[in-house]
Amino acid sequence: MSSIVNGCGSSARQRPKNVANVEMLPMSNPIANGKEMMIELEDRIVAFAARCVKVCGALPVKNVGSANFADQLFRSSTSVAANYAEACEAESGKDFVHKLKVSMKELSETRIWLKLICESGYVEKVKLNDLISESKELSRIFAASVITTKKKLGG
């Protein structure tokens, strides 16, 4: 997978100095069953977090607003992957549900930071639409897992 961010190179057209140079990249949508699905979902979550980290690296560092956005986006997006990994090693069904819900909250926060970065003019929205959509898709996947697990637990 190629990088979504071209932070060091020059672009063919001039862009304002405070707008990050982020390239669009489509997300893959793997479909599988069982353990293979978990591994592919983990890879998808890691790829999502890595793409967010690359957006952080492309934001202008001299602007206090963008530096805060980068820090918050970095923390929330990487937390999604870490909490998912913890959910996969949960000690009980309730623990699994709790950790997936934490991942869902971090996805929501990540989505808000991505939208704020766009609305503040640091990155064109069209360039982050795939990441925003991916955060929604991952949230739906986690929500479905929470519902299924709760049904199995009897509640």
C-alpha atoms as a PDB file:
ATOM      1  CA  MET A   1       0.000   0.000   0.000  1.00  0.00           C
ATOM      2  CA  SER A   2       1.459   3.326  -0.947  1.00  0.00           C
ATOM      3  CA  SER A   3       1.636   6.264   1.398  1.00  0.00           C
ATOM      4  CA  ILE A   4      -1.322   8.638   1.656  1.00  0.00           C
ATOM      5  CA  VAL A   5       0.879  11.499   2.586  1.00  0.00           C
ATOM      6  CA  ASN A   6       3.528  13.160   0.524  1.00  0.00           C
ATOM      7  CA  GLY A   7       4.876  15.491   3.173  1.00  0.00           C
ATOM      8  CA  CYS A   8       8.376  16.004   1.754  1.00  0.00           C
ATOM      9  CA  GLY A   9       7.829  16.145  -1.981  1.00  0.00           C
ATOM     10  CA  SER A  10       6.769  19.101  -4.047  1.00  0.00           C
ATOM     11  CA  SER A  11       3.426  19.116  -5.794  1.00  0.00           C
ATOM     12  CA  ALA A  12       2.805  20.166  -9.379  1.00  0.00           C
ATOM     13  CA  ARG A  13       0.459  22.940  -8.260  1.00  0.00           C
ATOM     14  CA  GLN A  14       1.087  25.390  -5.466  1.00  0.00           C
ATOM     15  CA  ARG A  15      -0.947  24.979  -2.299  1.00  0.00           C
ATOM     16  CA  PRO A  16      -1.260  27.321   0.630  1.00  0.00           C
ATOM     17  CA  LYS A  17       1.486  26.783   3.214  1.00  0.00           C
ATOM     18  CA  ASN A  18      -1.002  25.892   5.936  1.00  0.00           C
ATOM     19  CA  VAL A  19      -2.734  23.117   3.928  1.00  0.00           C
ATOM     20  CA  ALA A  20      -1.313  19.624   4.317  1.00  0.00           C
ATOM     21  CA  ASN A  21      -0.396  17.671   1.204  1.00  0.00           C
ATOM     22  CA  VAL A  22      -2.431  14.470   1.598  1.00  0.00           C
ATOM     23  CA  GLU A  23      -3.122  12.087  -1.269  1.00  0.00           C
ATOM     24  CA  MET A  24      -6.341  10.073  -1.489  1.00  0.00           C
ATOM     25  CA  LEU A  25      -6.135   6.302  -1.172  1.00  0.00           C
ATOM     26  CA  PRO A  26      -9.040   3.861  -1.335  1.00  0.00           C
ATOM     27  CA  MET A  27      -9.449   1.447   1.562  1.00  0.00           C
ATOM     28  CA  SER A  28      -9.682  -2.266   0.898  1.00  0.00           C
ATOM     29  CA  ASN A  29     -12.718  -4.071   2.220  1.00  0.00           C
ATOM     30  CA  PRO A  30     -11.712  -7.667   3.019  1.00  0.00           C
ATOM     31  CA  ILE A  31     -14.419 -10.250   3.606  1.00  0.00           C
ATOM     32  CA  ALA A  32     -13.533 -13.514   5.342  1.00  0.00           C
ATOM     33  CA  ASN A  33     -14.695 -15.830   8.117  1.00  0.00           C
ATOM     34  CA  GLY A  34     -13.526 -16.752  11.613  1.00  0.00           C
ATOM     35  CA  LYS A  35      -9.910 -16.290  12.634  1.00  0.00           C
ATOM     36  CA  GLU A  36      -8.941 -15.118   9.149  1.00  0.00           C
ATOM     37  CA  MET A  37     -11.560 -12.348   9.450  1.00  0.00           C
ATOM     38  CA  MET A  38     -10.087 -11.267  12.809  1.00  0.00           C
ATOM     39  CA  ILE A  39      -6.594 -11.061  11.313  1.00  0.00           C
ATOM     40  CA  GLU A  40      -7.840  -9.125   8.292  1.00  0.00           C
ATOM     41  CA  LEU A  41      -9.870  -6.804  10.528  1.00  0.00           C
ATOM     42  CA  GLU A  42      -6.811  -6.222  12.694  1.00  0.00           C
ATOM     43  CA  ASP A  43      -4.771  -5.392   9.579  1.00  0.00           C
ATOM     44  CA  ARG A  44      -7.519  -3.043   8.433  1.00  0.00           C
ATOM     45  CA  ILE A  45      -7.569  -1.271  11.811  1.00  0.00           C
ATOM     46  CA  VAL A  46      -3.782  -0.964  11.837  1.00  0.00           C
ATOM     47  CA  ALA A  47      -3.845   0.425   8.278  1.00  0.00           C
ATOM     48  CA  PHE A  48      -6.501   2.946   9.344  1.00  0.00           C
ATOM     49  CA  ALA A  49      -4.399   4.082  12.308  1.00  0.00           C
ATOM     50  CA  ALA A  50      -1.251   4.276  10.157  1.00  0.00           C
ATOM     51  CA  ARG A  51      -3.032   6.434   7.582  1.00  0.00           C
ATOM     52  CA  CYS A  52      -4.186   8.763  10.375  1.00  0.00           C
ATOM     53  CA  VAL A  53      -0.613   8.971  11.681  1.00  0.00           C
ATOM     54  CA  LYS A  54       0.517   9.963   8.185  1.00  0.00           C
ATOM     55  CA  VAL A  55      -2.091  12.722   8.144  1.00  0.00           C
ATOM     56  CA  CYS A  56      -0.661  13.932  11.476  1.00  0.00           C
ATOM     57  CA  GLY A  57       2.788  14.070   9.921  1.00  0.00           C
ATOM     58  CA  ALA A  58       1.530  16.121   6.993  1.00  0.00           C
ATOM     59  CA  LEU A  59      -0.055  18.854   9.112  1.00  0.00           C
ATOM     60  CA  PRO A  60       1.841  22.145   9.445  1.00  0.00           C
ATOM     61  CA  VAL A  61       3.916  22.087  12.639  1.00  0.00           C
ATOM     62  CA  LYS A  62       4.240  25.831  13.168  1.00  0.00           C
ATOM     63  CA  ASN A  63       0.531  26.354  13.730  1.00  0.00           C
ATOM     64  CA  VAL A  64      -0.569  25.694  17.311  1.00  0.00           C
ATOM     65  CA  GLY A  65      -4.019  24.527  16.187  1.00  0.00           C
ATOM     66  CA  SER A  66      -2.736  21.977  13.729  1.00  0.00           C
ATOM     67  CA  ALA A  67      -0.153  20.720  16.232  1.00  0.00           C
ATOM     68  CA  ASN A  68      -2.958  20.041  18.730  1.00  0.00           C
ATOM     69  CA  PHE A  69      -5.085  18.388  16.041  1.00  0.00           C
ATOM     70  CA  ALA A  70      -2.146  16.183  15.065  1.00  0.00           C
ATOM     71  CA  ASP A  71      -1.538  15.161  18.689  1.00  0.00           C
ATOM     72  CA  GLN A  72      -5.195  14.355  19.343  1.00  0.00           C
ATOM     73  CA  LEU A  73      -5.654  12.507  16.043  1.00  0.00           C
ATOM     74  CA  PHE A  74      -2.489  10.508  16.708  1.00  0.00           C
ATOM     75  CA  ARG A  75      -3.680   9.495  20.187  1.00  0.00           C
ATOM     76  CA  SER A  76      -7.244   8.584  19.280  1.00  0.00           C
ATOM     77  CA  SER A  77      -6.483   6.701  16.046  1.00  0.00           C
ATOM     78  CA  THR A  78      -3.687   4.592  17.514  1.00  0.00           C
ATOM     79  CA  SER A  79      -5.846   3.878  20.556  1.00  0.00           C
ATOM     80  CA  VAL A  80      -8.409   2.204  18.284  1.00  0.00           C
ATOM     81  CA  ALA A  81      -5.837  -0.395  17.241  1.00  0.00           C
ATOM     82  CA  ALA A  82      -4.512  -0.903  20.768  1.00  0.00           C
ATOM     83  CA  ASN A  83      -7.967  -1.361  22.276  1.00  0.00           C
ATOM     84  CA  TYR A  84      -8.985  -3.763  19.515  1.00  0.00           C
ATOM     85  CA  ALA A  85      -5.888  -5.844  20.256  1.00  0.00           C
ATOM     86  CA  GLU A  86      -6.874  -5.894  23.932  1.00  0.00           C
ATOM     87  CA  ALA A  87     -10.438  -6.919  22.994  1.00  0.00           C
ATOM     88  CA  CYS A  88      -9.048  -9.879  21.049  1.00  0.00           C
ATOM     89  CA  GLU A  89      -7.346 -11.036  24.251  1.00  0.00           C
ATOM     90  CA  ALA A  90     -10.308 -10.289  26.525  1.00  0.00           C
ATOM     91  CA  GLU A  91     -10.700 -12.346  29.685  1.00  0.00           C
ATOM     92  CA  SER A  92     -14.484 -12.615  29.331  1.00  0.00           C
ATOM     93  CA  GLY A  93     -17.354 -11.708  27.073  1.00  0.00           C
ATOM     94  CA  LYS A  94     -18.074  -8.636  29.172  1.00  0.00           C
ATOM     95  CA  ASP A  95     -14.428  -7.575  28.946  1.00  0.00           C
ATOM     96  CA  PHE A  96     -14.560  -8.057  25.161  1.00  0.00           C
ATOM     97  CA  VAL A  97     -17.674  -5.866  24.890  1.00  0.00           C
ATOM     98  CA  HIS A  98     -16.137  -3.183  27.100  1.00  0.00           C
ATOM     99  CA  LYS A  99     -12.925  -2.987  25.071  1.00  0.00           C
ATOM    100  CA  LEU A 100     -14.797  -2.888  21.765  1.00  0.00           C
ATOM    101  CA  LYS A 101     -16.933  -0.054  23.116  1.00  0.00           C
ATOM    102  CA  VAL A 102     -13.760   1.843  24.040  1.00  0.00           C
ATOM    103  CA  SER A 103     -12.525   1.292  20.467  1.00  0.00           C
ATOM    104  CA  MET A 104     -15.836   2.644  19.170  1.00  0.00           C
ATOM    105  CA  LYS A 105     -15.459   5.778  21.311  1.00  0.00           C
ATOM    106  CA  GLU A 106     -11.929   6.288  19.988  1.00  0.00           C
ATOM    107  CA  LEU A 107     -13.193   5.871  16.416  1.00  0.00           C
ATOM    108  CA  SER A 108     -15.812   8.557  17.063  1.00  0.00           C
ATOM    109  CA  GLU A 109     -13.164  10.875  18.459  1.00  0.00           C
ATOM    110  CA  THR A 110     -10.864  10.169  15.510  1.00  0.00           C
ATOM    111  CA  ARG A 111     -13.685  10.966  13.089  1.00  0.00           C
ATOM    112  CA  ILE A 112     -14.311  14.312  14.827  1.00  0.00           C
ATOM    113  CA  TRP A 113     -10.597  15.238  14.649  1.00  0.00           C
ATOM    114  CA  LEU A 114     -10.525  14.363  10.942  1.00  0.00           C
ATOM    115  CA  LYS A 115     -13.576  16.567  10.354  1.00  0.00           C
ATOM    116  CA  LEU A 116     -12.056  19.414  12.382  1.00  0.00           C
ATOM    117  CA  ILE A 117      -8.845  19.193  10.356  1.00  0.00           C
ATOM    118  CA  CYS A 118     -10.918  19.520   7.177  1.00  0.00           C
ATOM    119  CA  GLU A 119     -13.181  22.281   8.446  1.00  0.00           C
ATOM    120  CA  SER A 120     -10.165  24.243   9.696  1.00  0.00           C
ATOM    121  CA  GLY A 121      -8.690  24.190   6.202  1.00  0.00           C
ATOM    122  CA  TYR A 122      -5.594  22.118   6.899  1.00  0.00           C
ATOM    123  CA  VAL A 123      -6.603  19.319   4.498  1.00  0.00           C
ATOM    124  CA  GLU A 124      -9.220  19.301   1.750  1.00  0.00           C
ATOM    125  CA  LYS A 125     -12.209  17.209   2.856  1.00  0.00           C
ATOM    126  CA  VAL A 126     -12.180  15.148  -0.318  1.00  0.00           C
ATOM    127  CA  LYS A 127      -8.735  13.866   0.683  1.00  0.00           C
ATOM    128  CA  LEU A 128      -9.939  12.560   4.056  1.00  0.00           C
ATOM    129  CA  ASN A 129     -13.364  11.262   3.025  1.00  0.00           C
ATOM    130  CA  ASP A 130     -12.071   7.674   2.772  1.00  0.00           C
ATOM    131  CA  LEU A 131     -10.672   7.819   6.307  1.00  0.00           C
ATOM    132  CA  ILE A 132     -13.899   9.310   7.643  1.00  0.00           C
ATOM    133  CA  SER A 133     -15.914   6.603   5.863  1.00  0.00           C
ATOM    134  CA  GLU A 134     -13.579   3.895   7.134  1.00  0.00           C
ATOM    135  CA  SER A 135     -14.055   5.096  10.721  1.00  0.00           C
ATOM    136  CA  LYS A 136     -17.832   4.751  10.264  1.00  0.00           C
ATOM    137  CA  GLU A 137     -17.485   1.271   8.740  1.00  0.00           C
ATOM    138  CA  LEU A 138     -15.212   0.088  11.551  1.00  0.00           C
ATOM    139  CA  SER A 139     -17.679   1.477  14.108  1.00  0.00           C
ATOM    140  CA  ARG A 140     -20.494  -0.514  12.478  1.00  0.00           C
ATOM    141  CA  ILE A 141     -18.374  -3.674  12.537  1.00  0.00           C
ATOM    142  CA  PHE A 142     -17.574  -3.176  16.227  1.00  0.00           C
ATOM    143  CA  ALA A 143     -21.226  -2.405  17.022  1.00  0.00           C
ATOM    144  CA  ALA A 144     -22.339  -5.622  15.316  1.00  0.00           C
ATOM    145  CA  SER A 145     -19.770  -7.585  17.359  1.00  0.00           C
ATOM    146  CA  VAL A 146     -21.001  -5.954  20.565  1.00  0.00           C
ATOM    147  CA  ILE A 147     -24.623  -6.830  19.749  1.00  0.00           C
ATOM    148  CA  THR A 148     -23.747 -10.432  18.841  1.00  0.00           C
ATOM    149  CA  THR A 149     -21.648 -10.911  21.982  1.00  0.00           C
ATOM    150  CA  LYS A 150     -24.328  -9.410  24.233  1.00  0.00           C
ATOM    151  CA  LYS A 151     -26.905 -11.791  22.739  1.00  0.00           C
ATOM    152  CA  LYS A 152     -24.602 -14.739  23.423  1.00  0.00           C
ATOM    153  CA  LEU A 153     -24.135 -13.512  26.993  1.00  0.00           C
ATOM    154  CA  GLY A 154     -27.880 -13.306  27.459  1.00  0.00           C
ATOM    155  CA  GLY A 155     -28.229  -9.572  27.646  1.00  0.00           C
END
